C-alpha atoms as a PDB file:
ATOM      1  CA  MET A   1       0.000   0.000   0.000  1.00  0.00           C
ATOM      2  CA  PRO A   2       1.516   3.370  -1.014  1.00  0.00           C
ATOM      3  CA  GLN A   3       2.512   5.790   1.722  1.00  0.00           C
ATOM      4  CA  PRO A   4       0.514   9.040   1.875  1.00  0.00           C
ATOM      5  CA  LEU A   5       2.323  12.186   0.759  1.00  0.00           C
ATOM      6  CA  LEU A   6       0.898  14.118   3.722  1.00  0.00           C
ATOM      7  CA  ARG A   7      -0.494  13.123   7.109  1.00  0.00           C
ATOM      8  CA  ILE A   8      -2.862  15.565   8.806  1.00  0.00           C
ATOM      9  CA  GLY A   9      -3.228  15.289  12.575  1.00  0.00           C
ATOM     10  CA  THR A  10      -6.475  16.349  14.190  1.00  0.00           C
ATOM     11  CA  ARG A  11      -8.719  15.846  17.180  1.00  0.00           C
ATOM     12  CA  GLY A  12     -11.569  13.407  16.681  1.00  0.00           C
ATOM     13  CA  SER A  13     -14.579  15.644  17.363  1.00  0.00           C
ATOM     14  CA  ALA A  14     -17.108  16.242  14.613  1.00  0.00           C
ATOM     15  CA  LEU A  15     -16.000  19.855  14.309  1.00  0.00           C
ATOM     16  CA  ALA A  16     -12.287  19.012  14.233  1.00  0.00           C
ATOM     17  CA  LEU A  17     -12.840  16.384  11.541  1.00  0.00           C
ATOM     18  CA  THR A  18     -14.882  18.872   9.505  1.00  0.00           C
ATOM     19  CA  GLN A  19     -12.001  21.337   9.710  1.00  0.00           C
ATOM     20  CA  ALA A  20      -9.442  18.696   8.744  1.00  0.00           C
ATOM     21  CA  ALA A  21     -11.606  17.707   5.773  1.00  0.00           C
ATOM     22  CA  GLU A  22     -11.709  21.338   4.642  1.00  0.00           C
ATOM     23  CA  LEU A  23      -7.922  21.580   4.778  1.00  0.00           C
ATOM     24  CA  ARG A  24      -7.602  18.313   2.901  1.00  0.00           C
ATOM     25  CA  ARG A  25     -10.078  19.465   0.235  1.00  0.00           C
ATOM     26  CA  ARG A  26      -8.201  22.711  -0.367  1.00  0.00           C
ATOM     27  CA  LEU A  27      -4.841  20.960  -0.594  1.00  0.00           C
ATOM     28  CA  ALA A  28      -6.195  18.405  -3.065  1.00  0.00           C
ATOM     29  CA  ALA A  29      -7.744  21.138  -5.209  1.00  0.00           C
ATOM     30  CA  ALA A  30      -4.496  23.124  -5.277  1.00  0.00           C
ATOM     31  CA  HIS A  31      -2.075  20.266  -6.004  1.00  0.00           C
ATOM     32  CA  SER A  32      -2.758  17.521  -8.532  1.00  0.00           C
ATOM     33  CA  GLU A  33      -0.382  15.139  -6.760  1.00  0.00           C
ATOM     34  CA  LEU A  34      -2.528  15.417  -3.625  1.00  0.00           C
ATOM     35  CA  ALA A  35      -5.834  14.765  -5.397  1.00  0.00           C
ATOM     36  CA  ALA A  36      -5.673  10.961  -5.187  1.00  0.00           C
ATOM     37  CA  ALA A  37      -7.774   9.442  -2.408  1.00  0.00           C
ATOM     38  CA  ASP A  38      -4.709   7.927  -0.696  1.00  0.00           C
ATOM     39  CA  ALA A  39      -2.422  10.966  -1.071  1.00  0.00           C
ATOM     40  CA  ILE A  40      -3.450  12.531   2.228  1.00  0.00           C
ATOM     41  CA  GLU A  41      -4.085  10.591   5.434  1.00  0.00           C
ATOM     42  CA  THR A  42      -6.092  11.972   8.347  1.00  0.00           C
ATOM     43  CA  VAL A  43      -4.698  10.855  11.707  1.00  0.00           C
ATOM     44  CA  ILE A  44      -6.990  11.231  14.724  1.00  0.00           C
ATOM     45  CA  ILE A  45      -5.207  12.105  17.962  1.00  0.00           C
ATOM     46  CA  ARG A  46      -6.928  12.218  21.333  1.00  0.00           C
ATOM     47  CA  THR A  47      -5.837  15.209  23.392  1.00  0.00           C
ATOM     48  CA  SER A  48      -5.817  15.958  27.112  1.00  0.00           C
ATOM     49  CA  GLY A  49      -8.603  18.482  26.521  1.00  0.00           C
ATOM     50  CA  ASP A  50     -10.810  15.745  25.080  1.00  0.00           C
ATOM     51  CA  MET A  51     -10.318  13.702  28.254  1.00  0.00           C
ATOM     52  CA  ALA A  52     -10.880  16.589  30.669  1.00  0.00           C
ATOM     53  CA  GLY A  53     -14.592  15.978  31.178  1.00  0.00           C
ATOM     54  CA  VAL A  54     -16.591  18.869  32.578  1.00  0.00           C
ATOM     55  CA  ARG A  55     -13.755  20.658  34.384  1.00  0.00           C
ATOM     56  CA  SER A  56     -12.871  24.173  33.287  1.00  0.00           C
ATOM     57  CA  LEU A  57      -9.828  24.330  31.028  1.00  0.00           C
ATOM     58  CA  ALA A  58      -8.493  27.206  33.095  1.00  0.00           C
ATOM     59  CA  ASP A  59      -8.369  24.886  36.107  1.00  0.00           C
ATOM     60  CA  ILE A  60      -6.473  22.077  34.400  1.00  0.00           C
ATOM     61  CA  GLY A  61      -3.846  23.749  32.266  1.00  0.00           C
ATOM     62  CA  GLY A  62      -5.446  25.998  29.662  1.00  0.00           C
ATOM     63  CA  LYS A  63      -6.318  25.720  26.012  1.00  0.00           C
ATOM     64  CA  GLY A  64      -2.982  24.061  25.138  1.00  0.00           C
ATOM     65  CA  LEU A  65      -4.600  20.835  26.299  1.00  0.00           C
ATOM     66  CA  PHE A  66      -6.328  20.695  22.895  1.00  0.00           C
ATOM     67  CA  THR A  67      -3.041  20.906  21.004  1.00  0.00           C
ATOM     68  CA  LYS A  68      -0.271  19.337  23.117  1.00  0.00           C
ATOM     69  CA  GLU A  69      -0.505  15.735  21.915  1.00  0.00           C
ATOM     70  CA  ILE A  70      -1.003  16.799  18.289  1.00  0.00           C
ATOM     71  CA  GLU A  71       2.092  18.993  18.435  1.00  0.00           C
ATOM     72  CA  GLU A  72       4.053  16.158  20.033  1.00  0.00           C
ATOM     73  CA  ALA A  73       3.047  13.897  17.137  1.00  0.00           C
ATOM     74  CA  LEU A  74       4.179  16.591  14.716  1.00  0.00           C
ATOM     75  CA  LEU A  75       7.584  16.949  16.372  1.00  0.00           C
ATOM     76  CA  ALA A  76       7.942  13.156  16.437  1.00  0.00           C
ATOM     77  CA  ARG A  77       7.231  13.071  12.672  1.00  0.00           C
ATOM     78  CA  HIS A  78       4.163  10.875  13.056  1.00  0.00           C
ATOM     79  CA  ILE A  79       2.204  13.553  11.160  1.00  0.00           C
ATOM     80  CA  ASP A  80       3.195  16.359   8.778  1.00  0.00           C
ATOM     81  CA  ILE A  81       0.478  18.930   9.507  1.00  0.00           C
ATOM     82  CA  ALA A  82      -1.427  19.738  12.691  1.00  0.00           C
ATOM     83  CA  VAL A  83      -4.787  21.365  11.974  1.00  0.00           C
ATOM     84  CA  HIS A  84      -6.217  23.579  14.707  1.00  0.00           C
ATOM     85  CA  SER A  85      -9.026  25.918  15.579  1.00  0.00           C
ATOM     86  CA  LEU A  86      -6.648  28.842  15.997  1.00  0.00           C
ATOM     87  CA  LYS A  87      -8.425  30.184  19.057  1.00  0.00           C
ATOM     88  CA  ASP A  88      -7.277  26.971  20.792  1.00  0.00           C
ATOM     89  CA  LEU A  89      -3.650  27.360  19.754  1.00  0.00           C
ATOM     90  CA  PRO A  90      -1.401  28.653  22.558  1.00  0.00           C
ATOM     91  CA  THR A  91       0.075  32.101  22.024  1.00  0.00           C
ATOM     92  CA  PHE A  92       3.652  30.806  21.912  1.00  0.00           C
ATOM     93  CA  LEU A  93       4.379  27.728  19.779  1.00  0.00           C
ATOM     94  CA  PRO A  94       6.814  24.989  20.822  1.00  0.00           C
ATOM     95  CA  GLU A  95      10.340  25.371  19.496  1.00  0.00           C
ATOM     96  CA  GLY A  96      10.669  23.878  16.039  1.00  0.00           C
ATOM     97  CA  LEU A  97       7.037  24.434  15.000  1.00  0.00           C
ATOM     98  CA  ALA A  98       5.523  27.146  12.820  1.00  0.00           C
ATOM     99  CA  LEU A  99       2.090  28.279  11.656  1.00  0.00           C
ATOM    100  CA  ALA A 100       2.222  27.826   7.879  1.00  0.00           C
ATOM    101  CA  ALA A 101      -1.294  28.469   6.565  1.00  0.00           C
ATOM    102  CA  HIS A 102      -4.632  30.026   7.450  1.00  0.00           C
ATOM    103  CA  LEU A 103      -7.865  28.976   5.756  1.00  0.00           C
ATOM    104  CA  PRO A 104     -10.396  31.699   4.916  1.00  0.00           C
ATOM    105  CA  ARG A 105     -11.994  32.746   8.183  1.00  0.00           C
ATOM    106  CA  GLU A 106     -15.560  31.833   9.036  1.00  0.00           C
ATOM    107  CA  ASP A 107     -17.799  34.243  10.980  1.00  0.00           C
ATOM    108  CA  PRO A 108     -15.799  35.119  14.138  1.00  0.00           C
ATOM    109  CA  ARG A 109     -18.742  36.311  16.229  1.00  0.00           C
ATOM    110  CA  ASP A 110     -20.408  34.556  19.154  1.00  0.00           C
ATOM    111  CA  ALA A 111     -24.016  33.395  19.066  1.00  0.00           C
ATOM    112  CA  LEU A 112     -26.696  33.256  21.738  1.00  0.00           C
ATOM    113  CA  VAL A 113     -28.705  30.044  21.899  1.00  0.00           C
ATOM    114  CA  SER A 114     -31.716  30.167  24.198  1.00  0.00           C
ATOM    115  CA  PRO A 115     -35.303  28.914  24.304  1.00  0.00           C
ATOM    116  CA  ARG A 116     -36.127  31.730  26.741  1.00  0.00           C
ATOM    117  CA  ALA A 117     -34.904  34.930  25.094  1.00  0.00           C
ATOM    118  CA  LYS A 118     -34.387  36.479  21.679  1.00  0.00           C
ATOM    119  CA  CYS A 119     -31.367  38.521  22.803  1.00  0.00           C
ATOM    120  CA  LEU A 120     -29.189  39.090  25.877  1.00  0.00           C
ATOM    121  CA  ALA A 121     -31.408  41.898  27.127  1.00  0.00           C
ATOM    122  CA  ASP A 122     -34.438  39.583  27.074  1.00  0.00           C
ATOM    123  CA  LEU A 123     -32.952  37.017  29.451  1.00  0.00           C
ATOM    124  CA  PRO A 124     -34.923  36.935  32.719  1.00  0.00           C
ATOM    125  CA  GLN A 125     -33.453  38.414  35.883  1.00  0.00           C
ATOM    126  CA  ASP A 126     -31.041  35.926  37.506  1.00  0.00           C
ATOM    127  CA  ALA A 127     -31.101  33.684  34.415  1.00  0.00           C
ATOM    128  CA  ALA A 128     -28.595  30.817  34.334  1.00  0.00           C
ATOM    129  CA  VAL A 129     -26.222  31.061  31.375  1.00  0.00           C
ATOM    130  CA  GLY A 130     -23.888  28.175  30.693  1.00  0.00           C
ATOM    131  CA  THR A 131     -20.304  28.848  29.617  1.00  0.00           C
ATOM    132  CA  SER A 132     -16.839  27.841  30.761  1.00  0.00           C
ATOM    133  CA  SER A 133     -15.162  30.646  28.826  1.00  0.00           C
ATOM    134  CA  PRO A 134     -13.644  33.322  31.103  1.00  0.00           C
ATOM    135  CA  ARG A 135     -13.916  35.789  28.209  1.00  0.00           C
ATOM    136  CA  ARG A 136     -17.612  35.176  27.647  1.00  0.00           C
ATOM    137  CA  SER A 137     -18.564  35.062  31.321  1.00  0.00           C
ATOM    138  CA  ALA A 138     -16.720  38.318  32.106  1.00  0.00           C
ATOM    139  CA  GLN A 139     -18.396  40.175  29.247  1.00  0.00           C
ATOM    140  CA  LEU A 140     -21.795  38.744  30.135  1.00  0.00           C
ATOM    141  CA  LEU A 141     -21.411  39.921  33.723  1.00  0.00           C
ATOM    142  CA  HIS A 142     -20.275  43.343  32.546  1.00  0.00           C
ATOM    143  CA  ALA A 143     -23.485  43.700  30.519  1.00  0.00           C
ATOM    144  CA  ARG A 144     -25.776  41.835  32.934  1.00  0.00           C
ATOM    145  CA  PRO A 145     -24.373  41.564  36.504  1.00  0.00           C
ATOM    146  CA  ASP A 146     -27.581  39.814  37.548  1.00  0.00           C
ATOM    147  CA  LEU A 147     -26.908  36.715  35.448  1.00  0.00           C
ATOM    148  CA  ARG A 148     -25.800  33.438  37.012  1.00  0.00           C
ATOM    149  CA  ILE A 149     -22.881  31.930  35.096  1.00  0.00           C
ATOM    150  CA  LEU A 150     -22.704  28.141  35.307  1.00  0.00           C
ATOM    151  CA  PRO A 151     -19.854  26.004  33.915  1.00  0.00           C
ATOM    152  CA  LEU A 152     -20.777  24.282  30.659  1.00  0.00           C
ATOM    153  CA  ARG A 153     -18.126  22.288  28.793  1.00  0.00           C
ATOM    154  CA  GLY A 154     -18.191  19.803  25.979  1.00  0.00           C
ATOM    155  CA  ASN A 155     -18.502  19.961  22.217  1.00  0.00           C
ATOM    156  CA  VAL A 156     -21.228  21.966  20.484  1.00  0.00           C
ATOM    157  CA  GLU A 157     -23.685  19.074  20.378  1.00  0.00           C
ATOM    158  CA  THR A 158     -23.150  18.280  24.079  1.00  0.00           C
ATOM    159  CA  ARG A 159     -23.783  21.879  25.113  1.00  0.00           C
ATOM    160  CA  LEU A 160     -26.931  22.055  23.016  1.00  0.00           C
ATOM    161  CA  LYS A 161     -28.241  18.886  24.686  1.00  0.00           C
ATOM    162  CA  LYS A 162     -27.611  20.391  28.126  1.00  0.00           C
ATOM    163  CA  LEU A 163     -29.547  23.452  27.044  1.00  0.00           C
ATOM    164  CA  GLU A 164     -32.436  21.247  25.890  1.00  0.00           C
ATOM    165  CA  SER A 165     -32.453  19.469  29.265  1.00  0.00           C
ATOM    166  CA  ARG A 166     -32.870  22.912  30.901  1.00  0.00           C
ATOM    167  CA  GLU A 167     -29.661  22.726  32.909  1.00  0.00           C
ATOM    168  CA  VAL A 168     -29.215  26.344  31.810  1.00  0.00           C
ATOM    169  CA  GLU A 169     -31.458  28.920  30.150  1.00  0.00           C
ATOM    170  CA  ALA A 170     -28.954  30.062  27.543  1.00  0.00           C
ATOM    171  CA  THR A 171     -25.459  29.451  26.259  1.00  0.00           C
ATOM    172  CA  LEU A 172     -22.984  31.173  23.972  1.00  0.00           C
ATOM    173  CA  LEU A 173     -21.313  29.363  21.097  1.00  0.00           C
ATOM    174  CA  ALA A 174     -18.893  30.357  18.359  1.00  0.00           C
ATOM    175  CA  MET A 175     -20.795  31.093  15.162  1.00  0.00           C
ATOM    176  CA  ALA A 176     -18.059  29.425  13.132  1.00  0.00           C
ATOM    177  CA  GLY A 177     -18.392  26.051  14.813  1.00  0.00           C
ATOM    178  CA  VAL A 178     -22.185  26.073  14.691  1.00  0.00           C
ATOM    179  CA  LYS A 179     -22.174  26.920  10.986  1.00  0.00           C
ATOM    180  CA  ARG A 180     -19.500  24.361  10.100  1.00  0.00           C
ATOM    181  CA  LEU A 181     -21.590  21.667  11.775  1.00  0.00           C
ATOM    182  CA  GLY A 182     -24.702  22.693   9.841  1.00  0.00           C
ATOM    183  CA  LEU A 183     -26.497  23.796  13.015  1.00  0.00           C
ATOM    184  CA  ALA A 184     -27.029  27.483  12.176  1.00  0.00           C
ATOM    185  CA  ALA A 185     -30.787  27.056  12.554  1.00  0.00           C
ATOM    186  CA  ARG A 186     -30.248  26.591  16.294  1.00  0.00           C
ATOM    187  CA  ILE A 187     -28.883  30.125  16.716  1.00  0.00           C
ATOM    188  CA  THR A 188     -31.195  32.506  18.564  1.00  0.00           C
ATOM    189  CA  ALA A 189     -29.218  35.703  17.992  1.00  0.00           C
ATOM    190  CA  VAL A 190     -25.881  36.734  16.561  1.00  0.00           C
ATOM    191  CA  LEU A 191     -23.907  38.762  19.087  1.00  0.00           C
ATOM    192  CA  GLU A 192     -22.187  41.722  17.489  1.00  0.00           C
ATOM    193  CA  PRO A 193     -18.638  42.590  18.609  1.00  0.00           C
ATOM    194  CA  HIS A 194     -19.865  45.600  20.589  1.00  0.00           C
ATOM    195  CA  GLU A 195     -21.959  43.169  22.671  1.00  0.00           C
ATOM    196  CA  ILE A 196     -19.477  40.300  23.077  1.00  0.00           C
ATOM    197  CA  LEU A 197     -16.029  40.763  21.581  1.00  0.00           C
ATOM    198  CA  PRO A 198     -14.782  37.419  20.189  1.00  0.00           C
ATOM    199  CA  ALA A 199     -11.733  35.455  21.245  1.00  0.00           C
ATOM    200  CA  ALA A 200      -8.548  36.155  19.345  1.00  0.00           C
ATOM    201  CA  ALA A 201      -8.472  34.018  16.169  1.00  0.00           C
ATOM    202  CA  GLN A 202     -12.027  32.722  16.668  1.00  0.00           C
ATOM    203  CA  GLY A 203     -13.440  31.244  13.467  1.00  0.00           C
ATOM    204  CA  ALA A 204     -10.027  30.621  11.885  1.00  0.00           C
ATOM    205  CA  ILE A 205      -8.450  27.284  10.981  1.00  0.00           C
ATOM    206  CA  GLY A 206      -4.661  27.033  10.930  1.00  0.00           C
ATOM    207  CA  ALA A 207      -2.109  24.514   9.719  1.00  0.00           C
ATOM    208  CA  GLU A 208       0.979  24.005  11.876  1.00  0.00           C
ATOM    209  CA  ILE A 209       4.141  22.310  10.593  1.00  0.00           C
ATOM    210  CA  ARG A 210       7.721  21.589  11.589  1.00  0.00           C
ATOM    211  CA  GLY A 211       9.718  24.710  10.872  1.00  0.00           C
ATOM    212  CA  ASP A 212      12.256  22.846   8.728  1.00  0.00           C
ATOM    213  CA  ASP A 213       9.692  21.008   6.570  1.00  0.00           C
ATOM    214  CA  GLU A 214       9.984  23.035   3.377  1.00  0.00           C
ATOM    215  CA  GLN A 215       8.039  20.586   1.201  1.00  0.00           C
ATOM    216  CA  THR A 216       4.932  20.760   3.392  1.00  0.00           C
ATOM    217  CA  ARG A 217       5.363  24.513   3.721  1.00  0.00           C
ATOM    218  CA  SER A 218       5.328  24.831  -0.079  1.00  0.00           C
ATOM    219  CA  PHE A 219       2.131  22.768  -0.312  1.00  0.00           C
ATOM    220  CA  LEU A 220       0.430  25.008   2.252  1.00  0.00           C
ATOM    221  CA  ALA A 221       1.712  28.338   0.915  1.00  0.00           C
ATOM    222  CA  VAL A 222      -0.619  28.063  -2.072  1.00  0.00           C
ATOM    223  CA  ILE A 223      -3.751  27.887   0.086  1.00  0.00           C
ATOM    224  CA  ASP A 224      -2.767  30.430   2.748  1.00  0.00           C
ATOM    225  CA  ASP A 225      -5.394  33.196   2.895  1.00  0.00           C
ATOM    226  CA  ALA A 226      -3.512  36.496   3.190  1.00  0.00           C
ATOM    227  CA  LEU A 227      -6.362  38.549   4.683  1.00  0.00           C
ATOM    228  CA  THR A 228      -7.097  35.940   7.331  1.00  0.00           C
ATOM    229  CA  ALA A 229      -3.380  35.668   8.082  1.00  0.00           C
ATOM    230  CA  ALA A 230      -3.138  39.424   8.670  1.00  0.00           C
ATOM    231  CA  ARG A 231      -6.176  39.481  10.955  1.00  0.00           C
ATOM    232  CA  ILE A 232      -4.916  36.552  12.991  1.00  0.00           C
ATOM    233  CA  SER A 233      -1.434  38.044  13.178  1.00  0.00           C
ATOM    234  CA  ALA A 234      -2.842  41.208  14.767  1.00  0.00           C
ATOM    235  CA  GLU A 235      -5.045  39.342  17.245  1.00  0.00           C
ATOM    236  CA  ARG A 236      -2.365  36.878  18.333  1.00  0.00           C
ATOM    237  CA  ALA A 237       0.088  39.764  18.732  1.00  0.00           C
ATOM    238  CA  VAL A 238      -2.303  41.235  21.316  1.00  0.00           C
ATOM    239  CA  LEU A 239      -2.165  37.951  23.239  1.00  0.00           C
ATOM    240  CA  ALA A 240       1.605  37.832  23.020  1.00  0.00           C
ATOM    241  CA  ALA A 241       1.942  41.392  24.350  1.00  0.00           C
ATOM    242  CA  LEU A 242      -0.324  40.507  27.273  1.00  0.00           C
ATOM    243  CA  GLY A 243       1.125  37.056  27.900  1.00  0.00           C
ATOM    244  CA  GLY A 244      -2.408  35.737  27.359  1.00  0.00           C
ATOM    245  CA  SER A 245      -3.626  32.308  28.402  1.00  0.00           C
ATOM    246  CA  CYS A 246      -6.952  30.535  28.829  1.00  0.00           C
ATOM    247  CA  ARG A 247      -7.250  32.051  32.305  1.00  0.00           C
ATOM    248  CA  THR A 248      -7.152  35.642  31.100  1.00  0.00           C
ATOM    249  CA  PRO A 249     -10.361  37.307  29.876  1.00  0.00           C
ATOM    250  CA  ILE A 250      -8.911  38.808  26.710  1.00  0.00           C
ATOM    251  CA  ALA A 251     -10.793  39.464  23.484  1.00  0.00           C
ATOM    252  CA  ALA A 252      -9.587  40.747  20.122  1.00  0.00           C
ATOM    253  CA  LEU A 253     -11.012  41.146  16.638  1.00  0.00           C
ATOM    254  CA  ALA A 254      -9.289  42.512  13.549  1.00  0.00           C
ATOM    255  CA  GLU A 255     -11.349  43.353  10.482  1.00  0.00           C
ATOM    256  CA  ILE A 256     -10.460  44.653   7.037  1.00  0.00           C
ATOM    257  CA  ALA A 257     -12.139  47.958   6.194  1.00  0.00           C
ATOM    258  CA  ALA A 258     -13.409  48.903   2.719  1.00  0.00           C
ATOM    259  CA  SER A 259     -10.286  51.040   2.344  1.00  0.00           C
ATOM    260  CA  GLY A 260      -8.136  47.948   2.777  1.00  0.00           C
ATOM    261  CA  ASP A 261      -6.825  49.052   6.163  1.00  0.00           C
ATOM    262  CA  LEU A 262      -6.939  46.830   9.205  1.00  0.00           C
ATOM    263  CA  HIS A 263      -9.131  47.824  12.157  1.00  0.00           C
ATOM    264  CA  LEU A 264      -8.324  46.100  15.460  1.00  0.00           C
ATOM    265  CA  ARG A 265     -10.317  46.188  18.683  1.00  0.00           C
ATOM    266  CA  ALA A 266      -8.874  44.485  21.762  1.00  0.00           C
ATOM    267  CA  MET A 267     -10.091  44.165  25.335  1.00  0.00           C
ATOM    268  CA  ILE A 268      -8.974  43.003  28.762  1.00  0.00           C
ATOM    269  CA  ILE A 269     -11.641  42.568  31.415  1.00  0.00           C
ATOM    270  CA  ARG A 270     -11.793  41.417  35.029  1.00  0.00           C
ATOM    271  CA  PRO A 271     -13.377  37.963  35.475  1.00  0.00           C
ATOM    272  CA  ASP A 272     -16.346  39.452  37.329  1.00  0.00           C
ATOM    273  CA  GLY A 273     -16.935  42.023  34.593  1.00  0.00           C
ATOM    274  CA  SER A 274     -16.432  44.945  36.974  1.00  0.00           C
ATOM    275  CA  GLU A 275     -13.710  46.698  34.973  1.00  0.00           C
ATOM    276  CA  ARG A 276     -12.595  46.546  31.377  1.00  0.00           C
ATOM    277  CA  HIS A 277     -10.173  48.339  29.099  1.00  0.00           C
ATOM    278  CA  VAL A 278     -10.451  48.588  25.313  1.00  0.00           C
ATOM    279  CA  ALA A 279      -7.804  49.596  22.789  1.00  0.00           C
ATOM    280  CA  GLU A 280      -8.342  50.206  19.077  1.00  0.00           C
ATOM    281  CA  ARG A 281      -5.888  50.506  16.214  1.00  0.00           C
ATOM    282  CA  LYS A 282      -6.239  51.278  12.521  1.00  0.00           C
ATOM    283  CA  GLY A 283      -3.448  50.956  10.019  1.00  0.00           C
ATOM    284  CA  ASP A 284      -1.883  49.306   7.032  1.00  0.00           C
ATOM    285  CA  ILE A 285      -2.530  45.591   6.748  1.00  0.00           C
ATOM    286  CA  GLY A 286       1.202  45.021   6.367  1.00  0.00           C
ATOM    287  CA  ALA A 287       1.683  46.290   9.924  1.00  0.00           C
ATOM    288  CA  ALA A 288      -0.868  43.883  11.429  1.00  0.00           C
ATOM    289  CA  ALA A 289       1.424  42.335  14.028  1.00  0.00           C
ATOM    290  CA  ALA A 290       2.809  45.720  15.071  1.00  0.00           C
ATOM    291  CA  LEU A 291      -0.707  47.093  15.527  1.00  0.00           C
ATOM    292  CA  GLY A 292      -1.594  44.128  17.722  1.00  0.00           C
ATOM    293  CA  THR A 293       1.526  44.484  19.816  1.00  0.00           C
ATOM    294  CA  ASP A 294       0.906  48.207  20.273  1.00  0.00           C
ATOM    295  CA  ALA A 295      -2.690  47.604  21.371  1.00  0.00           C
ATOM    296  CA  GLY A 296      -1.595  44.917  23.826  1.00  0.00           C
ATOM    297  CA  VAL A 297       1.059  47.154  25.336  1.00  0.00           C
ATOM    298  CA  GLU A 298      -1.513  49.933  25.761  1.00  0.00           C
ATOM    299  CA  LEU A 299      -3.946  47.588  27.501  1.00  0.00           C
ATOM    300  CA  ARG A 300      -1.302  46.427  29.945  1.00  0.00           C
ATOM    301  CA  ARG A 301      -0.347  50.047  30.713  1.00  0.00           C
ATOM    302  CA  ARG A 302      -3.946  51.210  31.159  1.00  0.00           C
ATOM    303  CA  ALA A 303      -4.908  48.270  33.335  1.00  0.00           C
ATOM    304  CA  GLY A 304      -2.144  49.152  35.778  1.00  0.00           C
ATOM    305  CA  PRO A 305      -0.200  47.075  38.316  1.00  0.00           C
ATOM    306  CA  GLY A 306      -2.030  43.985  39.528  1.00  0.00           C
ATOM    307  CA  PHE A 307      -4.913  43.954  37.064  1.00  0.00           C
ATOM    308  CA  PHE A 308      -3.543  41.497  34.577  1.00  0.00           C
ATOM    309  CA  GLU A 309      -1.664  39.424  37.114  1.00  0.00           C
ATOM    310  CA  GLU A 310      -4.817  39.123  39.198  1.00  0.00           C
ATOM    311  CA  THR A 311      -6.797  37.756  36.269  1.00  0.00           C
ATOM    312  CA  THR A 312      -4.152  35.071  35.638  1.00  0.00           C
ATOM    313  CA  ALA A 313      -3.790  33.955  39.259  1.00  0.00           C
END
């Protein structure tokens, strides 16, 4: 049996497999030698995050739990490409690895799903909202201090089932994941960035490789989406400037204006929603990373001593 030309490593969830299939489809369409059915192999890797159960990621090591084993397989040469939801990718990559391609970004916004309310303002007083995201819970409490935030982990389908069983009255999900799974009809309301600012890199799929693997890099270069890459570069630069982790309520969204310039909005917020700081930058798309770094530095300065450290304790 012939050996595959490329091996793509991915988690085994329905969403992760959908994302891996999209990467595979784009590679096959761009390179005739990858079009054969056996040219690309998909390797499913179970991660620590998949085995974490209902515990909050912040309590057990952060979002890197969804990438650690896949990156280890990449470094060990068991796979050639690691495909990730980029919002799950740690800010700083392991030595020897590099982000080589970004697929065109899906809708980065969050969505409200609720049988009780048509929008956040319609939720009843003291309503229970399920989320294990520090970013979402902090922004919810900033807008509605009366809400009760309950931990709610699991994949999209699991969280929707818990909502149906009335464990909570509402939940927030990433629009991108819901749409990729064909579940857009379940969305109650789309939350605009001024309501809930998304996580950095939300809605984007990335391909990670070994830094010295020039053949795989050349395959991926053809399908790298330049506009998505610039947006993600700005947002991840905010995280890097803040030292961001899963524990820190940080949000960032870069968009491309009609003029072609990049517009970045970034936020740091206390976990209880009591205080937040927002920084905005506009500039040339070629300076995306610099804009993100500058915004992150401003947020750290404005927050003052203790603010950021307290949120990461």
